[in-house]
N, C-alpha and C. Protein backbone atom coordinates (compact mmCIF):
# COMPACT_ATOMS: atom_id res chain seq x y z
N UNK A 1 -19.34 -7.45 44.42
CA UNK A 1 -19.58 -7.71 43.01
C UNK A 1 -20.65 -6.74 42.51
N UNK A 2 -20.32 -6.10 41.38
CA UNK A 2 -21.27 -5.14 40.82
C UNK A 2 -22.43 -5.89 40.17
N UNK A 3 -23.53 -5.20 40.06
CA UNK A 3 -24.66 -5.86 39.43
C UNK A 3 -24.53 -5.83 37.91
N UNK A 4 -25.32 -6.67 37.26
CA UNK A 4 -25.22 -6.85 35.81
C UNK A 4 -25.64 -5.58 35.07
N UNK A 5 -26.60 -4.87 35.60
CA UNK A 5 -27.07 -3.64 34.94
C UNK A 5 -25.98 -2.60 34.84
N UNK A 6 -25.21 -2.45 35.89
CA UNK A 6 -24.12 -1.47 35.88
C UNK A 6 -23.05 -1.86 34.87
N UNK A 7 -22.76 -3.16 34.77
CA UNK A 7 -21.78 -3.63 33.80
C UNK A 7 -22.26 -3.41 32.37
N UNK A 8 -23.54 -3.63 32.12
CA UNK A 8 -24.09 -3.42 30.79
C UNK A 8 -24.05 -1.94 30.41
N UNK A 9 -24.32 -1.06 31.36
CA UNK A 9 -24.27 0.37 31.09
C UNK A 9 -22.84 0.79 30.76
N UNK A 10 -21.88 0.27 31.53
CA UNK A 10 -20.47 0.57 31.24
C UNK A 10 -20.06 0.05 29.87
N UNK A 11 -20.50 -1.16 29.52
CA UNK A 11 -20.16 -1.75 28.22
C UNK A 11 -20.78 -0.93 27.09
N UNK A 12 -22.04 -0.50 27.24
CA UNK A 12 -22.69 0.30 26.20
C UNK A 12 -22.01 1.66 26.06
N UNK A 13 -21.60 2.26 27.17
CA UNK A 13 -20.90 3.54 27.12
C UNK A 13 -19.57 3.40 26.39
N UNK A 14 -18.85 2.34 26.70
CA UNK A 14 -17.57 2.10 26.05
C UNK A 14 -17.76 1.85 24.55
N UNK A 15 -18.78 1.08 24.19
CA UNK A 15 -19.06 0.79 22.79
C UNK A 15 -19.42 2.06 22.03
N UNK A 16 -20.30 2.86 22.57
CA UNK A 16 -20.71 4.09 21.89
C UNK A 16 -19.55 5.08 21.77
N UNK A 17 -18.72 5.15 22.80
CA UNK A 17 -17.54 6.02 22.74
C UNK A 17 -16.59 5.56 21.63
N UNK A 18 -16.36 4.27 21.55
CA UNK A 18 -15.50 3.74 20.49
C UNK A 18 -16.06 3.98 19.11
N UNK A 19 -17.35 3.77 18.94
CA UNK A 19 -17.98 4.00 17.64
C UNK A 19 -17.92 5.47 17.26
N UNK A 20 -18.11 6.35 18.22
CA UNK A 20 -18.05 7.79 17.93
C UNK A 20 -16.63 8.20 17.53
N UNK A 21 -15.62 7.66 18.21
CA UNK A 21 -14.24 7.99 17.88
C UNK A 21 -13.91 7.52 16.47
N UNK A 22 -14.32 6.30 16.11
CA UNK A 22 -14.06 5.78 14.77
C UNK A 22 -14.80 6.61 13.72
N UNK A 23 -16.04 6.97 13.98
CA UNK A 23 -16.82 7.77 13.03
C UNK A 23 -16.16 9.14 12.82
N UNK A 24 -15.75 9.78 13.89
CA UNK A 24 -15.11 11.09 13.77
C UNK A 24 -13.80 10.98 13.01
N UNK A 25 -13.00 9.95 13.30
CA UNK A 25 -11.73 9.75 12.60
C UNK A 25 -11.96 9.54 11.11
N UNK A 26 -12.92 8.69 10.75
CA UNK A 26 -13.17 8.43 9.33
C UNK A 26 -13.71 9.67 8.62
N UNK A 27 -14.53 10.45 9.29
CA UNK A 27 -15.04 11.69 8.70
C UNK A 27 -13.91 12.66 8.43
N UNK A 28 -13.02 12.83 9.39
CA UNK A 28 -11.86 13.71 9.19
C UNK A 28 -11.00 13.19 8.05
N UNK A 29 -10.81 11.88 7.98
CA UNK A 29 -10.00 11.28 6.92
C UNK A 29 -10.59 11.54 5.54
N UNK A 30 -11.90 11.41 5.41
CA UNK A 30 -12.55 11.66 4.13
C UNK A 30 -12.35 13.11 3.69
N UNK A 31 -12.54 14.04 4.60
CA UNK A 31 -12.38 15.45 4.24
C UNK A 31 -10.93 15.80 3.93
N UNK A 32 -9.98 15.19 4.63
CA UNK A 32 -8.58 15.44 4.32
C UNK A 32 -8.20 14.89 2.95
N UNK A 33 -8.73 13.72 2.59
CA UNK A 33 -8.45 13.16 1.27
C UNK A 33 -9.06 14.04 0.18
N UNK A 34 -10.26 14.53 0.40
CA UNK A 34 -10.88 15.44 -0.58
C UNK A 34 -10.07 16.72 -0.72
N UNK A 35 -9.60 17.26 0.40
CA UNK A 35 -8.79 18.48 0.36
C UNK A 35 -7.48 18.24 -0.39
N UNK A 36 -6.84 17.12 -0.12
CA UNK A 36 -5.59 16.82 -0.82
C UNK A 36 -5.81 16.61 -2.30
N UNK A 37 -6.94 16.02 -2.70
CA UNK A 37 -7.18 15.81 -4.12
C UNK A 37 -7.39 17.14 -4.84
N UNK A 38 -7.85 18.16 -4.12
CA UNK A 38 -8.00 19.48 -4.73
C UNK A 38 -6.69 20.24 -4.75
N UNK A 39 -5.85 20.04 -3.74
CA UNK A 39 -4.60 20.78 -3.64
C UNK A 39 -3.50 20.21 -4.52
N UNK A 40 -3.40 18.89 -4.58
CA UNK A 40 -2.35 18.25 -5.35
C UNK A 40 -2.82 18.11 -6.80
N UNK A 41 -2.04 18.62 -7.76
CA UNK A 41 -2.48 18.52 -9.15
C UNK A 41 -2.45 17.08 -9.64
N UNK A 42 -3.37 16.77 -10.52
CA UNK A 42 -3.46 15.42 -11.06
C UNK A 42 -2.38 15.22 -12.11
N UNK A 43 -1.75 14.05 -12.09
CA UNK A 43 -0.72 13.77 -13.08
C UNK A 43 -1.38 13.52 -14.43
N UNK A 44 -0.88 14.22 -15.44
CA UNK A 44 -1.40 14.06 -16.79
C UNK A 44 -0.37 13.27 -17.58
N UNK A 45 -0.76 12.15 -18.17
CA UNK A 45 0.22 11.38 -18.92
C UNK A 45 0.66 12.13 -20.18
N UNK A 46 1.94 11.95 -20.52
CA UNK A 46 2.46 12.61 -21.71
C UNK A 46 1.85 11.95 -22.94
N UNK A 47 1.51 12.75 -23.94
CA UNK A 47 0.92 12.15 -25.14
C UNK A 47 1.94 11.27 -25.86
N UNK A 48 1.46 10.17 -26.37
CA UNK A 48 2.32 9.24 -27.08
C UNK A 48 2.42 9.68 -28.53
N UNK A 49 3.66 9.83 -28.98
CA UNK A 49 3.87 10.24 -30.36
C UNK A 49 3.56 9.07 -31.28
N UNK A 50 2.66 9.30 -32.23
CA UNK A 50 2.31 8.24 -33.18
C UNK A 50 3.24 8.33 -34.38
N UNK A 51 3.76 7.20 -34.82
CA UNK A 51 4.66 7.24 -35.98
C UNK A 51 3.90 7.59 -37.25
N UNK A 52 4.57 8.30 -38.11
CA UNK A 52 3.95 8.67 -39.38
C UNK A 52 3.82 7.43 -40.25
N UNK A 53 2.67 7.28 -40.87
CA UNK A 53 2.45 6.13 -41.72
C UNK A 53 2.68 6.52 -43.18
N UNK A 54 3.30 5.61 -43.89
CA UNK A 54 3.54 5.85 -45.31
C UNK A 54 2.25 5.72 -46.08
N UNK A 55 2.21 6.35 -47.23
CA UNK A 55 1.03 6.23 -48.08
C UNK A 55 0.95 4.85 -48.70
N UNK A 56 2.08 4.16 -48.77
CA UNK A 56 2.09 2.81 -49.33
C UNK A 56 1.50 1.86 -48.30
N UNK A 57 0.54 1.08 -48.71
CA UNK A 57 -0.10 0.13 -47.81
C UNK A 57 0.57 -1.22 -47.99
N UNK A 58 1.07 -1.74 -46.91
CA UNK A 58 1.70 -3.05 -46.97
C UNK A 58 0.62 -4.10 -46.79
N UNK A 59 0.57 -5.10 -47.67
CA UNK A 59 -0.53 -6.07 -47.62
C UNK A 59 -0.53 -6.92 -46.35
N UNK A 60 0.63 -7.27 -45.78
CA UNK A 60 0.68 -8.13 -44.61
C UNK A 60 1.03 -7.38 -43.34
N UNK A 61 0.82 -6.06 -43.29
CA UNK A 61 1.21 -5.29 -42.12
C UNK A 61 0.38 -5.63 -40.89
N UNK A 62 -0.88 -6.04 -41.07
CA UNK A 62 -1.72 -6.34 -39.93
C UNK A 62 -1.79 -7.84 -39.64
N UNK A 63 -1.22 -8.67 -40.52
CA UNK A 63 -1.26 -10.10 -40.32
C UNK A 63 -0.20 -10.51 -39.29
N UNK A 64 -0.53 -11.52 -38.49
CA UNK A 64 0.38 -12.03 -37.48
C UNK A 64 1.11 -13.22 -38.08
N UNK A 65 2.40 -13.28 -37.84
CA UNK A 65 3.22 -14.36 -38.37
C UNK A 65 2.77 -15.70 -37.81
N UNK A 66 2.75 -16.74 -38.60
CA UNK A 66 2.37 -18.07 -38.09
C UNK A 66 3.30 -18.56 -36.99
N UNK A 67 4.56 -18.15 -37.03
CA UNK A 67 5.50 -18.54 -35.98
C UNK A 67 5.10 -17.93 -34.64
N UNK A 68 4.62 -16.68 -34.68
CA UNK A 68 4.18 -16.01 -33.45
C UNK A 68 2.94 -16.70 -32.90
N UNK A 69 2.02 -17.06 -33.78
CA UNK A 69 0.80 -17.75 -33.34
C UNK A 69 1.16 -19.09 -32.71
N UNK A 70 2.11 -19.82 -33.31
CA UNK A 70 2.52 -21.11 -32.77
C UNK A 70 3.19 -20.94 -31.41
N UNK A 71 4.02 -19.91 -31.25
CA UNK A 71 4.69 -19.68 -29.97
C UNK A 71 3.69 -19.33 -28.88
N UNK A 72 2.72 -18.50 -29.19
CA UNK A 72 1.70 -18.12 -28.20
C UNK A 72 0.85 -19.34 -27.83
N UNK A 73 0.48 -20.14 -28.82
CA UNK A 73 -0.32 -21.33 -28.54
C UNK A 73 0.43 -22.30 -27.66
N UNK A 74 1.73 -22.48 -27.92
CA UNK A 74 2.54 -23.38 -27.10
C UNK A 74 2.65 -22.86 -25.68
N UNK A 75 2.81 -21.55 -25.52
CA UNK A 75 2.92 -20.97 -24.18
C UNK A 75 1.62 -21.13 -23.40
N UNK A 76 0.49 -20.90 -24.05
CA UNK A 76 -0.81 -21.05 -23.39
C UNK A 76 -1.03 -22.50 -23.00
N UNK A 77 -0.69 -23.42 -23.90
CA UNK A 77 -0.86 -24.84 -23.59
C UNK A 77 0.02 -25.25 -22.41
N UNK A 78 1.26 -24.78 -22.39
CA UNK A 78 2.17 -25.12 -21.29
C UNK A 78 1.66 -24.53 -19.97
N UNK A 79 1.14 -23.31 -20.01
CA UNK A 79 0.60 -22.69 -18.78
C UNK A 79 -0.60 -23.48 -18.26
N UNK A 80 -1.49 -23.85 -19.17
CA UNK A 80 -2.70 -24.56 -18.74
C UNK A 80 -2.36 -25.93 -18.17
N UNK A 81 -1.38 -26.61 -18.76
CA UNK A 81 -1.04 -27.94 -18.24
C UNK A 81 -0.27 -27.83 -16.91
N UNK A 82 0.48 -26.75 -16.71
CA UNK A 82 1.24 -26.61 -15.46
C UNK A 82 0.33 -26.21 -14.31
N UNK A 83 -0.75 -25.47 -14.57
CA UNK A 83 -1.64 -25.03 -13.48
C UNK A 83 -2.71 -26.08 -13.19
N UNK A 84 -2.90 -27.04 -14.08
CA UNK A 84 -3.94 -28.04 -13.87
C UNK A 84 -3.50 -29.12 -12.89
N UNK A 85 -2.23 -29.18 -12.56
CA UNK A 85 -1.72 -30.23 -11.67
C UNK A 85 -2.12 -30.01 -10.25
């Protein structure tokens, strides 16, 4: 039977070797991700075409229909009562 000191030295060597391997792997991974971010062009979203607005201002264009408000309120109430169970 080996003595405890020898086992502890072996365990510490194994632990340090494992930590070094993980550290080296993560360092390589970070540099590869940085390299890929420089090599691969960033996707640029296409600009959204805005519709032309008429010079005539509609008085209720920004108002929300009462039917829409009632439907949203009913949906929120139904969701809250179904999740409270």
